[in-house]
């Protein structure tokens, strides 16, 4: 009988411990929108991307021009000249694709620049969230901005503004998008 009571007490204690866990959420999109360094970094990345895209578009336009010229002159060219022009076009196309990959590829210039500019901001946000979670004893803090399936979130558990305060930023208060009927 003592064993049953002891086991029941252990299960009750475990149940209370599990229900006592605290949860919260943040909206990293909202946080990032209120960090001027992020806005500046994003503008810099957009500008670089546009410049690089123009450079790549110019290369492909040149290739297109070369190809159209080749098509117009192909009937008049000897076989060795045709082959030489085709090789030039293929070489230019390969160079353009390599440049595109260098700028926008998996480990390209854009990725590296994004890491350089955005990663320190993300680390500051993570550290602030971690500090808040530790100080307020949250078991889990979800990110509302990601595609996590959060069907409903009570605004009183949103610690996004606390994160901004912890990081030393002023912020625009969030708008409650839910209207009551």
C-alpha atoms as a PDB file:
ATOM      1  CA  UNK A   1       0.000   0.000   0.000  1.00  0.00           C
ATOM      2  CA  UNK A   2       2.870   2.379   0.831  1.00  0.00           C
ATOM      3  CA  UNK A   3       4.370   1.741  -2.608  1.00  0.00           C
ATOM      4  CA  UNK A   4       1.126   2.687  -4.342  1.00  0.00           C
ATOM      5  CA  UNK A   5       0.825   5.906  -2.344  1.00  0.00           C
ATOM      6  CA  UNK A   6       4.492   6.709  -3.008  1.00  0.00           C
ATOM      7  CA  UNK A   7       4.061   6.081  -6.751  1.00  0.00           C
ATOM      8  CA  UNK A   8       0.903   8.208  -6.825  1.00  0.00           C
ATOM      9  CA  UNK A   9       2.740  11.019  -5.048  1.00  0.00           C
ATOM     10  CA  UNK A  10       5.621  10.827  -7.548  1.00  0.00           C
ATOM     11  CA  UNK A  11       3.250  10.924 -10.534  1.00  0.00           C
ATOM     12  CA  UNK A  12       1.342  13.864  -9.046  1.00  0.00           C
ATOM     13  CA  UNK A  13       4.600  15.731  -8.457  1.00  0.00           C
ATOM     14  CA  UNK A  14       5.715  15.047 -12.021  1.00  0.00           C
ATOM     15  CA  UNK A  15       2.335  16.188 -13.321  1.00  0.00           C
ATOM     16  CA  UNK A  16       2.507  19.444 -11.383  1.00  0.00           C
ATOM     17  CA  UNK A  17       6.066  20.019 -12.554  1.00  0.00           C
ATOM     18  CA  UNK A  18       5.069  19.550 -16.177  1.00  0.00           C
ATOM     19  CA  UNK A  19       2.083  21.846 -15.929  1.00  0.00           C
ATOM     20  CA  UNK A  20       4.155  24.525 -14.194  1.00  0.00           C
ATOM     21  CA  UNK A  21       6.363  25.019 -17.239  1.00  0.00           C
ATOM     22  CA  UNK A  22       6.000  28.461 -18.751  1.00  0.00           C
ATOM     23  CA  UNK A  23       5.813  29.179 -22.440  1.00  0.00           C
ATOM     24  CA  UNK A  24       6.108  32.400 -24.409  1.00  0.00           C
ATOM     25  CA  UNK A  25       6.573  33.523 -27.982  1.00  0.00           C
ATOM     26  CA  UNK A  26       8.325  36.226 -29.935  1.00  0.00           C
ATOM     27  CA  UNK A  27       7.787  37.673 -33.371  1.00  0.00           C
ATOM     28  CA  UNK A  28      11.255  37.979 -34.890  1.00  0.00           C
ATOM     29  CA  UNK A  29       9.876  39.876 -37.894  1.00  0.00           C
ATOM     30  CA  UNK A  30       8.544  42.528 -35.517  1.00  0.00           C
ATOM     31  CA  UNK A  31      11.827  42.577 -33.584  1.00  0.00           C
ATOM     32  CA  UNK A  32      13.906  42.927 -36.748  1.00  0.00           C
ATOM     33  CA  UNK A  33      11.642  45.691 -38.069  1.00  0.00           C
ATOM     34  CA  UNK A  34      12.450  47.685 -34.938  1.00  0.00           C
ATOM     35  CA  UNK A  35      16.227  47.334 -35.183  1.00  0.00           C
ATOM     36  CA  UNK A  36      17.730  50.125 -37.322  1.00  0.00           C
ATOM     37  CA  UNK A  37      20.931  48.133 -37.957  1.00  0.00           C
ATOM     38  CA  UNK A  38      18.870  45.371 -39.536  1.00  0.00           C
ATOM     39  CA  UNK A  39      17.012  47.804 -41.784  1.00  0.00           C
ATOM     40  CA  UNK A  40      20.339  49.334 -42.853  1.00  0.00           C
ATOM     41  CA  UNK A  41      21.884  45.916 -43.468  1.00  0.00           C
ATOM     42  CA  UNK A  42      18.872  44.803 -45.503  1.00  0.00           C
ATOM     43  CA  UNK A  43      19.037  47.987 -47.610  1.00  0.00           C
ATOM     44  CA  UNK A  44      22.745  47.392 -48.211  1.00  0.00           C
ATOM     45  CA  UNK A  45      22.083  43.788 -49.254  1.00  0.00           C
ATOM     46  CA  UNK A  46      19.262  44.859 -51.579  1.00  0.00           C
ATOM     47  CA  UNK A  47      21.522  47.448 -53.215  1.00  0.00           C
ATOM     48  CA  UNK A  48      24.336  44.934 -53.689  1.00  0.00           C
ATOM     49  CA  UNK A  49      21.913  42.377 -55.075  1.00  0.00           C
ATOM     50  CA  UNK A  50      20.519  44.861 -57.601  1.00  0.00           C
ATOM     51  CA  UNK A  51      24.024  45.900 -58.713  1.00  0.00           C
ATOM     52  CA  UNK A  52      25.153  42.302 -59.124  1.00  0.00           C
ATOM     53  CA  UNK A  53      21.950  41.351 -60.932  1.00  0.00           C
ATOM     54  CA  UNK A  54      22.464  44.205 -63.419  1.00  0.00           C
ATOM     55  CA  UNK A  55      26.011  42.969 -64.024  1.00  0.00           C
ATOM     56  CA  UNK A  56      24.751  39.436 -64.688  1.00  0.00           C
ATOM     57  CA  UNK A  57      21.872  40.667 -66.871  1.00  0.00           C
ATOM     58  CA  UNK A  58      24.372  42.670 -68.966  1.00  0.00           C
ATOM     59  CA  UNK A  59      26.470  39.527 -69.503  1.00  0.00           C
ATOM     60  CA  UNK A  60      23.423  37.532 -70.618  1.00  0.00           C
ATOM     61  CA  UNK A  61      22.306  40.391 -72.891  1.00  0.00           C
ATOM     62  CA  UNK A  62      25.752  40.346 -74.507  1.00  0.00           C
ATOM     63  CA  UNK A  63      25.474  36.579 -74.987  1.00  0.00           C
ATOM     64  CA  UNK A  64      22.032  36.972 -76.517  1.00  0.00           C
ATOM     65  CA  UNK A  65      23.381  39.607 -78.906  1.00  0.00           C
ATOM     66  CA  UNK A  66      26.289  37.329 -79.864  1.00  0.00           C
ATOM     67  CA  UNK A  67      23.893  34.428 -80.474  1.00  0.00           C
ATOM     68  CA  UNK A  68      21.523  36.478 -82.648  1.00  0.00           C
ATOM     69  CA  UNK A  69      24.471  37.800 -84.655  1.00  0.00           C
ATOM     70  CA  UNK A  70      25.728  34.249 -85.084  1.00  0.00           C
ATOM     71  CA  UNK A  71      22.312  33.052 -86.259  1.00  0.00           C
ATOM     72  CA  UNK A  72      22.132  35.835 -88.852  1.00  0.00           C
ATOM     73  CA  UNK A  73      25.629  35.125 -90.191  1.00  0.00           C
ATOM     74  CA  UNK A  74      25.718  31.332 -89.793  1.00  0.00           C
ATOM     75  CA  UNK A  75      24.743  30.547 -93.397  1.00  0.00           C
ATOM     76  CA  UNK A  76      27.641  32.648 -94.709  1.00  0.00           C
ATOM     77  CA  UNK A  77      30.326  31.331 -92.330  1.00  0.00           C
ATOM     78  CA  UNK A  78      32.645  28.410 -93.041  1.00  0.00           C
ATOM     79  CA  UNK A  79      32.438  25.458 -90.638  1.00  0.00           C
ATOM     80  CA  UNK A  80      35.600  26.351 -88.712  1.00  0.00           C
ATOM     81  CA  UNK A  81      34.300  29.916 -88.081  1.00  0.00           C
ATOM     82  CA  UNK A  82      30.909  28.559 -87.024  1.00  0.00           C
ATOM     83  CA  UNK A  83      32.574  26.268 -84.529  1.00  0.00           C
ATOM     84  CA  UNK A  84      34.781  29.080 -83.219  1.00  0.00           C
ATOM     85  CA  UNK A  85      31.789  31.419 -82.723  1.00  0.00           C
ATOM     86  CA  UNK A  86      29.755  28.674 -81.031  1.00  0.00           C
ATOM     87  CA  UNK A  87      32.650  28.029 -78.647  1.00  0.00           C
ATOM     88  CA  UNK A  88      32.886  31.769 -77.869  1.00  0.00           C
ATOM     89  CA  UNK A  89      29.180  31.903 -77.083  1.00  0.00           C
ATOM     90  CA  UNK A  90      29.390  28.796 -74.896  1.00  0.00           C
ATOM     91  CA  UNK A  91      32.452  30.208 -73.095  1.00  0.00           C
ATOM     92  CA  UNK A  92      30.705  33.542 -72.411  1.00  0.00           C
ATOM     93  CA  UNK A  93      27.593  31.733 -71.197  1.00  0.00           C
ATOM     94  CA  UNK A  94      29.667  29.584 -68.831  1.00  0.00           C
ATOM     95  CA  UNK A  95      31.403  32.720 -67.512  1.00  0.00           C
ATOM     96  CA  UNK A  96      28.047  34.423 -66.911  1.00  0.00           C
ATOM     97  CA  UNK A  97      26.670  31.379 -65.075  1.00  0.00           C
ATOM     98  CA  UNK A  98      29.846  31.137 -63.002  1.00  0.00           C
ATOM     99  CA  UNK A  99      29.510  34.808 -62.069  1.00  0.00           C
ATOM    100  CA  UNK A 100      25.872  34.255 -61.151  1.00  0.00           C
ATOM    101  CA  UNK A 101      26.854  31.311 -58.957  1.00  0.00           C
ATOM    102  CA  UNK A 102      29.716  33.315 -57.415  1.00  0.00           C
ATOM    103  CA  UNK A 103      27.368  36.174 -56.512  1.00  0.00           C
ATOM    104  CA  UNK A 104      24.170  34.338 -55.575  1.00  0.00           C
ATOM    105  CA  UNK A 105      25.171  30.699 -55.091  1.00  0.00           C
ATOM    106  CA  UNK A 106      25.038  28.628 -51.931  1.00  0.00           C
ATOM    107  CA  UNK A 107      28.298  30.023 -50.535  1.00  0.00           C
ATOM    108  CA  UNK A 108      28.408  33.038 -52.825  1.00  0.00           C
ATOM    109  CA  UNK A 109      29.134  36.681 -52.157  1.00  0.00           C
ATOM    110  CA  UNK A 110      25.533  37.447 -51.160  1.00  0.00           C
ATOM    111  CA  UNK A 111      25.462  34.612 -48.638  1.00  0.00           C
ATOM    112  CA  UNK A 112      28.768  35.739 -47.135  1.00  0.00           C
ATOM    113  CA  UNK A 113      27.688  39.373 -46.943  1.00  0.00           C
ATOM    114  CA  UNK A 114      24.367  38.376 -45.369  1.00  0.00           C
ATOM    115  CA  UNK A 115      26.262  36.338 -42.770  1.00  0.00           C
ATOM    116  CA  UNK A 116      28.566  39.281 -42.103  1.00  0.00           C
ATOM    117  CA  UNK A 117      25.747  41.806 -41.680  1.00  0.00           C
ATOM    118  CA  UNK A 118      22.800  39.837 -40.299  1.00  0.00           C
ATOM    119  CA  UNK A 119      24.326  37.093 -38.157  1.00  0.00           C
ATOM    120  CA  UNK A 120      25.564  39.448 -35.382  1.00  0.00           C
ATOM    121  CA  UNK A 121      22.053  40.922 -35.111  1.00  0.00           C
ATOM    122  CA  UNK A 122      20.509  37.453 -34.940  1.00  0.00           C
ATOM    123  CA  UNK A 123      22.979  36.475 -32.214  1.00  0.00           C
ATOM    124  CA  UNK A 124      22.056  39.561 -30.164  1.00  0.00           C
ATOM    125  CA  UNK A 125      18.380  38.642 -30.489  1.00  0.00           C
ATOM    126  CA  UNK A 126      19.050  35.031 -29.493  1.00  0.00           C
ATOM    127  CA  UNK A 127      21.098  36.124 -26.471  1.00  0.00           C
ATOM    128  CA  UNK A 128      18.351  38.519 -25.341  1.00  0.00           C
ATOM    129  CA  UNK A 129      15.721  35.767 -25.721  1.00  0.00           C
ATOM    130  CA  UNK A 130      17.922  33.355 -23.790  1.00  0.00           C
ATOM    131  CA  UNK A 131      18.419  35.899 -20.987  1.00  0.00           C
ATOM    132  CA  UNK A 132      14.654  36.522 -20.733  1.00  0.00           C
ATOM    133  CA  UNK A 133      13.890  32.787 -20.803  1.00  0.00           C
ATOM    134  CA  UNK A 134      16.383  32.154 -18.017  1.00  0.00           C
ATOM    135  CA  UNK A 135      15.305  35.133 -15.892  1.00  0.00           C
ATOM    136  CA  UNK A 136      11.584  34.399 -16.202  1.00  0.00           C
ATOM    137  CA  UNK A 137      11.908  30.612 -16.173  1.00  0.00           C
ATOM    138  CA  UNK A 138      10.353  29.945 -19.583  1.00  0.00           C
ATOM    139  CA  UNK A 139      10.651  26.355 -20.735  1.00  0.00           C
ATOM    140  CA  UNK A 140      10.100  27.244 -24.393  1.00  0.00           C
ATOM    141  CA  UNK A 141       9.889  30.439 -26.423  1.00  0.00           C
ATOM    142  CA  UNK A 142       8.359  29.986 -29.862  1.00  0.00           C
ATOM    143  CA  UNK A 143       8.885  32.243 -32.874  1.00  0.00           C
ATOM    144  CA  UNK A 144       5.563  33.424 -34.255  1.00  0.00           C
ATOM    145  CA  UNK A 145       7.228  34.772 -37.429  1.00  0.00           C
ATOM    146  CA  UNK A 146       8.358  31.374 -38.664  1.00  0.00           C
ATOM    147  CA  UNK A 147       5.954  28.930 -40.209  1.00  0.00           C
ATOM    148  CA  UNK A 148       5.505  27.131 -36.913  1.00  0.00           C
ATOM    149  CA  UNK A 149       1.905  26.151 -36.540  1.00  0.00           C
ATOM    150  CA  UNK A 150       0.664  28.386 -33.765  1.00  0.00           C
ATOM    151  CA  UNK A 151      -3.098  28.400 -34.131  1.00  0.00           C
ATOM    152  CA  UNK A 152      -3.648  30.962 -31.399  1.00  0.00           C
ATOM    153  CA  UNK A 153      -1.292  33.141 -29.387  1.00  0.00           C
ATOM    154  CA  UNK A 154      -2.388  35.216 -26.437  1.00  0.00           C
ATOM    155  CA  UNK A 155      -0.653  38.611 -26.707  1.00  0.00           C
ATOM    156  CA  UNK A 156       0.119  38.607 -22.970  1.00  0.00           C
ATOM    157  CA  UNK A 157       2.701  35.860 -23.603  1.00  0.00           C
ATOM    158  CA  UNK A 158       4.447  37.796 -26.373  1.00  0.00           C
ATOM    159  CA  UNK A 159       7.894  38.787 -25.105  1.00  0.00           C
ATOM    160  CA  UNK A 160       9.019  40.484 -28.340  1.00  0.00           C
ATOM    161  CA  UNK A 161       8.995  43.938 -26.760  1.00  0.00           C
ATOM    162  CA  UNK A 162      10.977  42.622 -23.776  1.00  0.00           C
ATOM    163  CA  UNK A 163      13.595  41.342 -26.221  1.00  0.00           C
ATOM    164  CA  UNK A 164      13.852  44.788 -27.829  1.00  0.00           C
ATOM    165  CA  UNK A 165      14.099  46.436 -24.399  1.00  0.00           C
ATOM    166  CA  UNK A 166      16.769  43.940 -23.332  1.00  0.00           C
ATOM    167  CA  UNK A 167      18.737  44.840 -26.457  1.00  0.00           C
ATOM    168  CA  UNK A 168      18.317  48.562 -25.746  1.00  0.00           C
ATOM    169  CA  UNK A 169      16.011  49.471 -28.645  1.00  0.00           C
ATOM    170  CA  UNK A 170      12.895  51.591 -28.693  1.00  0.00           C
ATOM    171  CA  UNK A 171      10.029  50.088 -30.625  1.00  0.00           C
ATOM    172  CA  UNK A 172       6.708  50.765 -32.234  1.00  0.00           C
ATOM    173  CA  UNK A 173       3.991  49.008 -30.194  1.00  0.00           C
ATOM    174  CA  UNK A 174       2.496  46.000 -31.942  1.00  0.00           C
ATOM    175  CA  UNK A 175      -0.984  46.318 -33.364  1.00  0.00           C
ATOM    176  CA  UNK A 176      -3.493  43.780 -32.170  1.00  0.00           C
ATOM    177  CA  UNK A 177      -4.830  42.434 -35.469  1.00  0.00           C
ATOM    178  CA  UNK A 178      -7.733  40.563 -33.899  1.00  0.00           C
ATOM    179  CA  UNK A 179     -10.995  42.460 -33.676  1.00  0.00           C
ATOM    180  CA  UNK A 180     -13.896  41.412 -31.508  1.00  0.00           C
ATOM    181  CA  UNK A 181     -17.421  41.261 -32.869  1.00  0.00           C
END
